[in-house]
Amino acid sequence: MSYYQRHVFVCTNRREDNIACCNNGVADDGRAYLKDRIKDLGENGPGRVRVSSSGCLGRCAQGPVLVVYPEGTWYTWVDNEDLDDIIEQHLLSGTPVQRLLIDE
């Protein structure tokens, strides 16, 4: 078994000159929200879920983006309700949230 059941990487890259990027106002807040919710649910730590910041994941036009490993599932989101769906359906239950998936 891997050290974490699931590891979430949230792109928090910031580009200069208003070039499209994941952190145009929401990625840092989204990562913080995910971390706090996972901790509040008691699902953080070894054998559970880890939420980490990431540099550019190369999908700027589809941002904000996050990827869940070990599955390699890519998501975009708009608000905390979308993140709650990712937490409840995928991170805790193992079922990808179809409406938020980014095509591979």
PDB file of N, CA and C in Angstrom:
ATOM      1  N   MET A   1       0.846  -1.180   0.000  1.00  0.00           N
ATOM      2  CA  MET A   1       0.000   0.000   0.000  1.00  0.00           C
ATOM      3  C   MET A   1       0.894   1.248   0.000  1.00  0.00           C
ATOM      4  N   SER A   2       0.456   2.250  -0.680  1.00  0.00           N
ATOM      5  CA  SER A   2       1.177   3.513  -0.745  1.00  0.00           C
ATOM      6  C   SER A   2       1.059   4.254   0.587  1.00  0.00           C
ATOM      7  N   TYR A   3       1.945   5.201   0.835  1.00  0.00           N
ATOM      8  CA  TYR A   3       1.938   5.944   2.097  1.00  0.00           C
ATOM      9  C   TYR A   3       0.619   6.681   2.317  1.00  0.00           C
ATOM     10  N   TYR A   4       0.078   7.258   1.238  1.00  0.00           N
ATOM     11  CA  TYR A   4      -1.251   7.889   1.284  1.00  0.00           C
ATOM     12  C   TYR A   4      -2.192   7.094   0.398  1.00  0.00           C
ATOM     13  N   GLN A   5      -3.431   6.992   0.812  1.00  0.00           N
ATOM     14  CA  GLN A   5      -4.420   6.331  -0.033  1.00  0.00           C
ATOM     15  C   GLN A   5      -4.641   7.155  -1.300  1.00  0.00           C
ATOM     16  N   ARG A   6      -4.752   8.472  -1.120  1.00  0.00           N
ATOM     17  CA  ARG A   6      -4.879   9.385  -2.252  1.00  0.00           C
ATOM     18  C   ARG A   6      -4.053  10.634  -1.969  1.00  0.00           C
ATOM     19  N   HIS A   7      -3.393  11.125  -3.004  1.00  0.00           N
ATOM     20  CA  HIS A   7      -2.590  12.341  -2.890  1.00  0.00           C
ATOM     21  C   HIS A   7      -3.100  13.320  -3.939  1.00  0.00           C
ATOM     22  N   VAL A   8      -3.529  14.496  -3.473  1.00  0.00           N
ATOM     23  CA  VAL A   8      -4.104  15.518  -4.344  1.00  0.00           C
ATOM     24  C   VAL A   8      -3.068  16.620  -4.553  1.00  0.00           C
ATOM     25  N   PHE A   9      -2.800  16.925  -5.804  1.00  0.00           N
ATOM     26  CA  PHE A   9      -1.918  18.033  -6.150  1.00  0.00           C
ATOM     27  C   PHE A   9      -2.753  19.132  -6.784  1.00  0.00           C
ATOM     28  N   VAL A  10      -2.732  20.306  -6.168  1.00  0.00           N
ATOM     29  CA  VAL A  10      -3.488  21.458  -6.655  1.00  0.00           C
ATOM     30  C   VAL A  10      -2.498  22.431  -7.279  1.00  0.00           C
ATOM     31  N   CYS A  11      -2.683  22.751  -8.555  1.00  0.00           N
ATOM     32  CA  CYS A  11      -1.804  23.712  -9.201  1.00  0.00           C
ATOM     33  C   CYS A  11      -2.063  25.090  -8.600  1.00  0.00           C
ATOM     34  N   THR A  12      -1.020  25.666  -8.025  1.00  0.00           N
ATOM     35  CA  THR A  12      -1.118  27.018  -7.468  1.00  0.00           C
ATOM     36  C   THR A  12      -0.147  27.948  -8.179  1.00  0.00           C
ATOM     37  N   ASN A  13       0.211  27.580  -9.406  1.00  0.00           N
ATOM     38  CA  ASN A  13       1.141  28.395 -10.178  1.00  0.00           C
ATOM     39  C   ASN A  13       0.543  29.765 -10.490  1.00  0.00           C
ATOM     40  N   ARG A  14       1.384  30.775 -10.439  1.00  0.00           N
ATOM     41  CA  ARG A  14       0.955  32.145 -10.735  1.00  0.00           C
ATOM     42  C   ARG A  14       1.844  32.684 -11.860  1.00  0.00           C
ATOM     43  N   ARG A  15       1.218  33.161 -12.924  1.00  0.00           N
ATOM     44  CA  ARG A  15       1.952  33.738 -14.056  1.00  0.00           C
ATOM     45  C   ARG A  15       1.838  35.257 -14.026  1.00  0.00           C
ATOM     46  N   GLU A  16       2.839  35.891 -14.552  1.00  0.00           N
ATOM     47  CA  GLU A  16       2.874  37.359 -14.604  1.00  0.00           C
ATOM     48  C   GLU A  16       2.049  37.878 -15.779  1.00  0.00           C
ATOM     49  N   ASP A  17       1.760  39.141 -15.763  1.00  0.00           N
ATOM     50  CA  ASP A  17       1.125  39.857 -16.876  1.00  0.00           C
ATOM     51  C   ASP A  17      -0.262  39.326 -17.237  1.00  0.00           C
ATOM     52  N   ASN A  18      -1.008  38.840 -16.250  1.00  0.00           N
ATOM     53  CA  ASN A  18      -2.383  38.382 -16.457  1.00  0.00           C
ATOM     54  C   ASN A  18      -2.526  37.253 -17.477  1.00  0.00           C
ATOM     55  N   ILE A  19      -1.482  36.479 -17.664  1.00  0.00           N
ATOM     56  CA  ILE A  19      -1.569  35.303 -18.528  1.00  0.00           C
ATOM     57  C   ILE A  19      -2.389  34.251 -17.793  1.00  0.00           C
ATOM     58  N   ALA A  20      -3.266  33.556 -18.514  1.00  0.00           N
ATOM     59  CA  ALA A  20      -4.135  32.547 -17.902  1.00  0.00           C
ATOM     60  C   ALA A  20      -3.318  31.540 -17.104  1.00  0.00           C
ATOM     61  N   CYS A  21      -3.763  31.301 -15.887  1.00  0.00           N
ATOM     62  CA  CYS A  21      -3.111  30.301 -15.044  1.00  0.00           C
ATOM     63  C   CYS A  21      -4.100  29.836 -13.979  1.00  0.00           C
ATOM     64  N   CYS A  22      -3.767  28.769 -13.313  1.00  0.00           N
ATOM     65  CA  CYS A  22      -4.661  28.187 -12.312  1.00  0.00           C
ATOM     66  C   CYS A  22      -4.880  29.085 -11.108  1.00  0.00           C
ATOM     67  N   ASN A  23      -3.928  29.952 -10.829  1.00  0.00           N
ATOM     68  CA  ASN A  23      -4.051  30.739  -9.614  1.00  0.00           C
ATOM     69  C   ASN A  23      -4.574  32.157  -9.864  1.00  0.00           C
ATOM     70  N   ASN A  24      -5.375  32.327 -10.902  1.00  0.00           N
ATOM     71  CA  ASN A  24      -6.022  33.620 -11.122  1.00  0.00           C
ATOM     72  C   ASN A  24      -7.175  33.774 -10.124  1.00  0.00           C
ATOM     73  N   GLY A  25      -6.818  33.789  -8.856  1.00  0.00           N
ATOM     74  CA  GLY A  25      -7.800  34.093  -7.834  1.00  0.00           C
ATOM     75  C   GLY A  25      -8.417  32.956  -7.069  1.00  0.00           C
ATOM     76  N   VAL A  26      -8.263  31.706  -7.489  1.00  0.00           N
ATOM     77  CA  VAL A  26      -8.985  30.641  -6.797  1.00  0.00           C
ATOM     78  C   VAL A  26      -8.153  29.447  -6.331  1.00  0.00           C
ATOM     79  N   ALA A  27      -7.015  29.191  -6.942  1.00  0.00           N
ATOM     80  CA  ALA A  27      -6.290  27.955  -6.630  1.00  0.00           C
ATOM     81  C   ALA A  27      -5.781  27.906  -5.191  1.00  0.00           C
ATOM     82  N   ASP A  28      -5.199  28.996  -4.702  1.00  0.00           N
ATOM     83  CA  ASP A  28      -4.731  28.998  -3.310  1.00  0.00           C
ATOM     84  C   ASP A  28      -5.879  28.777  -2.342  1.00  0.00           C
ATOM     85  N   ASP A  29      -6.999  29.455  -2.596  1.00  0.00           N
ATOM     86  CA  ASP A  29      -8.173  29.289  -1.735  1.00  0.00           C
ATOM     87  C   ASP A  29      -8.721  27.868  -1.816  1.00  0.00           C
ATOM     88  N   GLY A  30      -8.741  27.304  -3.015  1.00  0.00           N
ATOM     89  CA  GLY A  30      -9.226  25.934  -3.184  1.00  0.00           C
ATOM     90  C   GLY A  30      -8.363  24.922  -2.462  1.00  0.00           C
ATOM     91  N   ARG A  31      -7.046  25.086  -2.565  1.00  0.00           N
ATOM     92  CA  ARG A  31      -6.134  24.173  -1.860  1.00  0.00           C
ATOM     93  C   ARG A  31      -6.334  24.272  -0.355  1.00  0.00           C
ATOM     94  N   ALA A  32      -6.432  25.495   0.145  1.00  0.00           N
ATOM     95  CA  ALA A  32      -6.645  25.686   1.585  1.00  0.00           C
ATOM     96  C   ALA A  32      -7.971  25.071   2.023  1.00  0.00           C
ATOM     97  N   TYR A  33      -8.999  25.246   1.222  1.00  0.00           N
ATOM     98  CA  TYR A  33     -10.310  24.671   1.554  1.00  0.00           C
ATOM     99  C   TYR A  33     -10.229  23.145   1.598  1.00  0.00           C
ATOM    100  N   LEU A  34      -9.607  22.551   0.584  1.00  0.00           N
ATOM    101  CA  LEU A  34      -9.453  21.088   0.565  1.00  0.00           C
ATOM    102  C   LEU A  34      -8.706  20.599   1.801  1.00  0.00           C
ATOM    103  N   LYS A  35      -7.573  21.224   2.111  1.00  0.00           N
ATOM    104  CA  LYS A  35      -6.778  20.815   3.281  1.00  0.00           C
ATOM    105  C   LYS A  35      -7.602  20.897   4.566  1.00  0.00           C
ATOM    106  N   ASP A  36      -8.292  22.013   4.742  1.00  0.00           N
ATOM    107  CA  ASP A  36      -9.093  22.206   5.958  1.00  0.00           C
ATOM    108  C   ASP A  36     -10.221  21.181   6.055  1.00  0.00           C
ATOM    109  N   ARG A  37     -10.922  20.942   4.951  1.00  0.00           N
ATOM    110  CA  ARG A  37     -12.044  19.986   4.973  1.00  0.00           C
ATOM    111  C   ARG A  37     -11.564  18.563   5.256  1.00  0.00           C
ATOM    112  N   ILE A  38     -10.471  18.173   4.609  1.00  0.00           N
ATOM    113  CA  ILE A  38      -9.925  16.832   4.838  1.00  0.00           C
ATOM    114  C   ILE A  38      -9.502  16.682   6.297  1.00  0.00           C
ATOM    115  N   LYS A  39      -8.878  17.706   6.847  1.00  0.00           N
ATOM    116  CA  LYS A  39      -8.485  17.666   8.257  1.00  0.00           C
ATOM    117  C   LYS A  39      -9.706  17.623   9.164  1.00  0.00           C
ATOM    118  N   ASP A  40     -10.703  18.463   8.891  1.00  0.00           N
ATOM    119  CA  ASP A  40     -11.929  18.477   9.699  1.00  0.00           C
ATOM    120  C   ASP A  40     -12.638  17.125   9.690  1.00  0.00           C
ATOM    121  N   LEU A  41     -12.541  16.424   8.576  1.00  0.00           N
ATOM    122  CA  LEU A  41     -13.173  15.108   8.455  1.00  0.00           C
ATOM    123  C   LEU A  41     -12.322  13.999   9.063  1.00  0.00           C
ATOM    124  N   GLY A  42     -11.126  14.339   9.523  1.00  0.00           N
ATOM    125  CA  GLY A  42     -10.228  13.333  10.104  1.00  0.00           C
ATOM    126  C   GLY A  42      -9.658  12.382   9.072  1.00  0.00           C
ATOM    127  N   GLU A  43      -9.567  12.837   7.823  1.00  0.00           N
ATOM    128  CA  GLU A  43      -9.103  11.987   6.730  1.00  0.00           C
ATOM    129  C   GLU A  43      -7.695  12.324   6.259  1.00  0.00           C
ATOM    130  N   ASN A  44      -6.981  13.165   7.008  1.00  0.00           N
ATOM    131  CA  ASN A  44      -5.616  13.527   6.627  1.00  0.00           C
ATOM    132  C   ASN A  44      -4.610  12.589   7.274  1.00  0.00           C
ATOM    133  N   GLY A  45      -3.431  12.512   6.669  1.00  0.00           N
ATOM    134  CA  GLY A  45      -2.347  11.748   7.265  1.00  0.00           C
ATOM    135  C   GLY A  45      -2.077  10.432   6.571  1.00  0.00           C
ATOM    136  N   PRO A  46      -1.071   9.709   7.060  1.00  0.00           N
ATOM    137  CA  PRO A  46      -0.674   8.442   6.456  1.00  0.00           C
ATOM    138  C   PRO A  46      -1.845   7.470   6.328  1.00  0.00           C
ATOM    139  N   GLY A  47      -1.907   6.815   5.174  1.00  0.00           N
ATOM    140  CA  GLY A  47      -2.975   5.856   4.912  1.00  0.00           C
ATOM    141  C   GLY A  47      -4.278   6.501   4.519  1.00  0.00           C
ATOM    142  N   ARG A  48      -4.298   7.828   4.470  1.00  0.00           N
ATOM    143  CA  ARG A  48      -5.531   8.549   4.132  1.00  0.00           C
ATOM    144  C   ARG A  48      -5.267   9.486   2.970  1.00  0.00           C
ATOM    145  N   VAL A  49      -5.612  10.767   3.135  1.00  0.00           N
ATOM    146  CA  VAL A  49      -5.519  11.735   2.039  1.00  0.00           C
ATOM    147  C   VAL A  49      -4.504  12.827   2.376  1.00  0.00           C
ATOM    148  N   ARG A  50      -3.721  13.199   1.378  1.00  0.00           N
ATOM    149  CA  ARG A  50      -2.779  14.319   1.491  1.00  0.00           C
ATOM    150  C   ARG A  50      -3.115  15.323   0.392  1.00  0.00           C
ATOM    151  N   VAL A  51      -3.171  16.610   0.742  1.00  0.00           N
ATOM    152  CA  VAL A  51      -3.393  17.684  -0.217  1.00  0.00           C
ATOM    153  C   VAL A  51      -2.135  18.527  -0.269  1.00  0.00           C
ATOM    154  N   SER A  52      -1.577  18.707  -1.462  1.00  0.00           N
ATOM    155  CA  SER A  52      -0.340  19.456  -1.643  1.00  0.00           C
ATOM    156  C   SER A  52      -0.494  20.503  -2.737  1.00  0.00           C
ATOM    157  N   SER A  53       0.302  21.560  -2.609  1.00  0.00           N
ATOM    158  CA  SER A  53       0.414  22.547  -3.687  1.00  0.00           C
ATOM    159  C   SER A  53       1.324  21.987  -4.756  1.00  0.00           C
ATOM    160  N   SER A  54       1.102  22.437  -5.970  1.00  0.00           N
ATOM    161  CA  SER A  54       1.961  22.043  -7.073  1.00  0.00           C
ATOM    162  C   SER A  54       2.302  23.264  -7.898  1.00  0.00           C
ATOM    163  N   GLY A  55       3.438  23.220  -8.539  1.00  0.00           N
ATOM    164  CA  GLY A  55       3.750  24.200  -9.566  1.00  0.00           C
ATOM    165  C   GLY A  55       2.902  23.894 -10.785  1.00  0.00           C
ATOM    166  N   CYS A  56       3.239  24.489 -11.897  1.00  0.00           N
ATOM    167  CA  CYS A  56       2.446  24.338 -13.113  1.00  0.00           C
ATOM    168  C   CYS A  56       2.311  22.871 -13.510  1.00  0.00           C
ATOM    169  N   LEU A  57       1.073  22.472 -13.751  1.00  0.00           N
ATOM    170  CA  LEU A  57       0.783  21.118 -14.200  1.00  0.00           C
ATOM    171  C   LEU A  57       0.545  21.065 -15.709  1.00  0.00           C
ATOM    172  N   GLY A  58       0.716  22.205 -16.380  1.00  0.00           N
ATOM    173  CA  GLY A  58       0.655  22.234 -17.838  1.00  0.00           C
ATOM    174  C   GLY A  58      -0.732  22.244 -18.437  1.00  0.00           C
ATOM    175  N   ARG A  59      -1.747  22.557 -17.640  1.00  0.00           N
ATOM    176  CA  ARG A  59      -3.117  22.573 -18.165  1.00  0.00           C
ATOM    177  C   ARG A  59      -3.784  23.909 -17.844  1.00  0.00           C
ATOM    178  N   CYS A  60      -3.033  24.968 -18.058  1.00  0.00           N
ATOM    179  CA  CYS A  60      -3.429  26.325 -17.655  1.00  0.00           C
ATOM    180  C   CYS A  60      -4.790  26.738 -18.198  1.00  0.00           C
ATOM    181  N   ALA A  61      -5.068  26.437 -19.448  1.00  0.00           N
ATOM    182  CA  ALA A  61      -6.320  26.865 -20.069  1.00  0.00           C
ATOM    183  C   ALA A  61      -7.539  26.177 -19.463  1.00  0.00           C
ATOM    184  N   GLN A  62      -7.327  25.085 -18.742  1.00  0.00           N
ATOM    185  CA  GLN A  62      -8.437  24.342 -18.149  1.00  0.00           C
ATOM    186  C   GLN A  62      -8.568  24.606 -16.656  1.00  0.00           C
ATOM    187  N   GLY A  63      -7.775  25.547 -16.153  1.00  0.00           N
ATOM    188  CA  GLY A  63      -7.686  25.787 -14.720  1.00  0.00           C
ATOM    189  C   GLY A  63      -8.866  26.493 -14.119  1.00  0.00           C
ATOM    190  N   PRO A  64      -8.936  26.418 -12.813  1.00  0.00           N
ATOM    191  CA  PRO A  64      -7.964  25.785 -11.937  1.00  0.00           C
ATOM    192  C   PRO A  64      -8.033  24.261 -12.058  1.00  0.00           C
ATOM    193  N   VAL A  65      -6.901  23.606 -11.844  1.00  0.00           N
ATOM    194  CA  VAL A  65      -6.863  22.155 -11.963  1.00  0.00           C
ATOM    195  C   VAL A  65      -6.242  21.522 -10.728  1.00  0.00           C
ATOM    196  N   LEU A  66      -6.638  20.270 -10.520  1.00  0.00           N
ATOM    197  CA  LEU A  66      -6.003  19.417  -9.521  1.00  0.00           C
ATOM    198  C   LEU A  66      -5.974  18.018 -10.086  1.00  0.00           C
ATOM    199  N   VAL A  67      -5.060  17.215  -9.576  1.00  0.00           N
ATOM    200  CA  VAL A  67      -4.957  15.829 -10.002  1.00  0.00           C
ATOM    201  C   VAL A  67      -4.890  14.954  -8.761  1.00  0.00           C
ATOM    202  N   VAL A  68      -5.599  13.829  -8.805  1.00  0.00           N
ATOM    203  CA  VAL A  68      -5.663  12.883  -7.697  1.00  0.00           C
ATOM    204  C   VAL A  68      -4.887  11.626  -8.079  1.00  0.00           C
ATOM    205  N   TYR A  69      -3.903  11.283  -7.252  1.00  0.00           N
ATOM    206  CA  TYR A  69      -3.145  10.045  -7.437  1.00  0.00           C
ATOM    207  C   TYR A  69      -3.464   9.096  -6.301  1.00  0.00           C
ATOM    208  N   PRO A  70      -3.443   7.785  -6.510  1.00  0.00           N
ATOM    209  CA  PRO A  70      -2.744   7.105  -7.584  1.00  0.00           C
ATOM    210  C   PRO A  70      -3.536   6.977  -8.889  1.00  0.00           C
ATOM    211  N   GLU A  71      -4.788   7.388  -8.918  1.00  0.00           N
ATOM    212  CA  GLU A  71      -5.607   7.197 -10.105  1.00  0.00           C
ATOM    213  C   GLU A  71      -5.172   8.048 -11.288  1.00  0.00           C
ATOM    214  N   GLY A  72      -4.572   9.215 -11.035  1.00  0.00           N
ATOM    215  CA  GLY A  72      -4.230  10.125 -12.116  1.00  0.00           C
ATOM    216  C   GLY A  72      -5.461  10.793 -12.700  1.00  0.00           C
ATOM    217  N   THR A  73      -6.422  11.102 -11.840  1.00  0.00           N
ATOM    218  CA  THR A  73      -7.681  11.712 -12.264  1.00  0.00           C
ATOM    219  C   THR A  73      -7.564  13.228 -12.191  1.00  0.00           C
ATOM    220  N   TRP A  74      -7.871  13.899 -13.300  1.00  0.00           N
ATOM    221  CA  TRP A  74      -7.743  15.345 -13.421  1.00  0.00           C
ATOM    222  C   TRP A  74      -9.096  16.017 -13.283  1.00  0.00           C
ATOM    223  N   TYR A  75      -9.115  17.106 -12.498  1.00  0.00           N
ATOM    224  CA  TYR A  75     -10.347  17.859 -12.276  1.00  0.00           C
ATOM    225  C   TYR A  75     -10.131  19.358 -12.476  1.00  0.00           C
ATOM    226  N   THR A  76     -11.223  20.030 -12.809  1.00  0.00           N
ATOM    227  CA  THR A  76     -11.314  21.463 -12.691  1.00  0.00           C
ATOM    228  C   THR A  76     -12.495  21.741 -11.767  1.00  0.00           C
ATOM    229  N   TRP A  77     -12.562  22.950 -11.230  1.00  0.00           N
ATOM    230  CA  TRP A  77     -13.660  23.286 -10.330  1.00  0.00           C
ATOM    231  C   TRP A  77     -13.951  24.773 -10.404  1.00  0.00           C
ATOM    232  N   VAL A  78     -15.138  25.147  -9.900  1.00  0.00           N
ATOM    233  CA  VAL A  78     -15.559  26.543  -9.895  1.00  0.00           C
ATOM    234  C   VAL A  78     -15.639  27.081  -8.479  1.00  0.00           C
ATOM    235  N   ASP A  79     -16.148  26.262  -7.556  1.00  0.00           N
ATOM    236  CA  ASP A  79     -16.405  26.754  -6.204  1.00  0.00           C
ATOM    237  C   ASP A  79     -16.220  25.636  -5.176  1.00  0.00           C
ATOM    238  N   ASN A  80     -16.434  25.964  -3.916  1.00  0.00           N
ATOM    239  CA  ASN A  80     -16.257  24.991  -2.830  1.00  0.00           C
ATOM    240  C   ASN A  80     -17.253  23.842  -2.918  1.00  0.00           C
ATOM    241  N   GLU A  81     -18.416  24.065  -3.496  1.00  0.00           N
ATOM    242  CA  GLU A  81     -19.364  22.960  -3.662  1.00  0.00           C
ATOM    243  C   GLU A  81     -18.797  21.897  -4.593  1.00  0.00           C
ATOM    244  N   ASP A  82     -18.099  22.333  -5.658  1.00  0.00           N
ATOM    245  CA  ASP A  82     -17.431  21.376  -6.540  1.00  0.00           C
ATOM    246  C   ASP A  82     -16.359  20.609  -5.766  1.00  0.00           C
ATOM    247  N   LEU A  83     -15.591  21.314  -4.947  1.00  0.00           N
ATOM    248  CA  LEU A  83     -14.552  20.649  -4.153  1.00  0.00           C
ATOM    249  C   LEU A  83     -15.165  19.681  -3.148  1.00  0.00           C
ATOM    250  N   ASP A  84     -16.305  20.041  -2.565  1.00  0.00           N
ATOM    251  CA  ASP A  84     -16.996  19.115  -1.658  1.00  0.00           C
ATOM    252  C   ASP A  84     -17.398  17.839  -2.390  1.00  0.00           C
ATOM    253  N   ASP A  85     -17.847  17.968  -3.641  1.00  0.00           N
ATOM    254  CA  ASP A  85     -18.208  16.782  -4.422  1.00  0.00           C
ATOM    255  C   ASP A  85     -16.980  15.907  -4.671  1.00  0.00           C
ATOM    256  N   ILE A  86     -15.846  16.520  -4.974  1.00  0.00           N
ATOM    257  CA  ILE A  86     -14.610  15.755  -5.183  1.00  0.00           C
ATOM    258  C   ILE A  86     -14.214  15.037  -3.895  1.00  0.00           C
ATOM    259  N   ILE A  87     -14.317  15.732  -2.764  1.00  0.00           N
ATOM    260  CA  ILE A  87     -13.983  15.118  -1.480  1.00  0.00           C
ATOM    261  C   ILE A  87     -14.895  13.929  -1.202  1.00  0.00           C
ATOM    262  N   GLU A  88     -16.190  14.172  -1.231  1.00  0.00           N
ATOM    263  CA  GLU A  88     -17.153  13.145  -0.837  1.00  0.00           C
ATOM    264  C   GLU A  88     -17.193  11.971  -1.806  1.00  0.00           C
ATOM    265  N   GLN A  89     -17.219  12.260  -3.087  1.00  0.00           N
ATOM    266  CA  GLN A  89     -17.393  11.187  -4.064  1.00  0.00           C
ATOM    267  C   GLN A  89     -16.088  10.477  -4.412  1.00  0.00           C
ATOM    268  N   HIS A  90     -15.024  11.248  -4.634  1.00  0.00           N
ATOM    269  CA  HIS A  90     -13.782  10.605  -5.081  1.00  0.00           C
ATOM    270  C   HIS A  90     -12.827  10.306  -3.925  1.00  0.00           C
ATOM    271  N   LEU A  91     -12.469  11.331  -3.168  1.00  0.00           N
ATOM    272  CA  LEU A  91     -11.444  11.117  -2.144  1.00  0.00           C
ATOM    273  C   LEU A  91     -11.894  10.167  -1.052  1.00  0.00           C
ATOM    274  N   LEU A  92     -13.157  10.216  -0.675  1.00  0.00           N
ATOM    275  CA  LEU A  92     -13.639   9.353   0.402  1.00  0.00           C
ATOM    276  C   LEU A  92     -14.309   8.077  -0.092  1.00  0.00           C
ATOM    277  N   SER A  93     -14.915   8.118  -1.279  1.00  0.00           N
ATOM    278  CA  SER A  93     -15.674   6.956  -1.758  1.00  0.00           C
ATOM    279  C   SER A  93     -15.082   6.287  -2.987  1.00  0.00           C
ATOM    280  N   GLY A  94     -14.109   6.934  -3.640  1.00  0.00           N
ATOM    281  CA  GLY A  94     -13.442   6.301  -4.775  1.00  0.00           C
ATOM    282  C   GLY A  94     -14.133   6.425  -6.114  1.00  0.00           C
ATOM    283  N   THR A  95     -15.183   7.232  -6.195  1.00  0.00           N
ATOM    284  CA  THR A  95     -15.925   7.389  -7.442  1.00  0.00           C
ATOM    285  C   THR A  95     -15.636   8.757  -8.051  1.00  0.00           C
ATOM    286  N   PRO A  96     -15.027   8.802  -9.232  1.00  0.00           N
ATOM    287  CA  PRO A  96     -14.741  10.090  -9.860  1.00  0.00           C
ATOM    288  C   PRO A  96     -16.012  10.915 -10.091  1.00  0.00           C
ATOM    289  N   VAL A  97     -15.872  12.223 -10.006  1.00  0.00           N
ATOM    290  CA  VAL A  97     -16.979  13.155 -10.228  1.00  0.00           C
ATOM    291  C   VAL A  97     -16.977  13.491 -11.717  1.00  0.00           C
ATOM    292  N   GLN A  98     -17.815  12.822 -12.465  1.00  0.00           N
ATOM    293  CA  GLN A  98     -17.805  12.909 -13.930  1.00  0.00           C
ATOM    294  C   GLN A  98     -17.917  14.333 -14.461  1.00  0.00           C
ATOM    295  N   ARG A  99     -18.781  15.140 -13.857  1.00  0.00           N
ATOM    296  CA  ARG A  99     -19.033  16.487 -14.392  1.00  0.00           C
ATOM    297  C   ARG A  99     -17.846  17.435 -14.238  1.00  0.00           C
ATOM    298  N   LEU A 100     -16.867  17.084 -13.408  1.00  0.00           N
ATOM    299  CA  LEU A 100     -15.721  17.947 -13.168  1.00  0.00           C
ATOM    300  C   LEU A 100     -14.423  17.418 -13.805  1.00  0.00           C
ATOM    301  N   LEU A 101     -14.512  16.274 -14.455  1.00  0.00           N
ATOM    302  CA  LEU A 101     -13.309  15.665 -15.044  1.00  0.00           C
ATOM    303  C   LEU A 101     -12.784  16.486 -16.213  1.00  0.00           C
ATOM    304  N   ILE A 102     -11.476  16.497 -16.356  1.00  0.00           N
ATOM    305  CA  ILE A 102     -10.820  17.056 -17.525  1.00  0.00           C
ATOM    306  C   ILE A 102     -10.433  15.878 -18.397  1.00  0.00           C
ATOM    307  N   ASP A 103     -10.793  15.931 -19.664  1.00  0.00           N
ATOM    308  CA  ASP A 103     -10.436  14.849 -20.589  1.00  0.00           C
ATOM    309  C   ASP A 103      -8.930  14.691 -20.657  1.00  0.00           C
ATOM    310  N   GLU A 104      -8.514  13.466 -20.673  1.00  0.00           N
ATOM    311  CA  GLU A 104      -7.071  13.158 -20.734  1.00  0.00           C
ATOM    312  C   GLU A 104      -6.504  13.550 -22.033  1.00  0.00           C
TER     313      GLU A 104
END
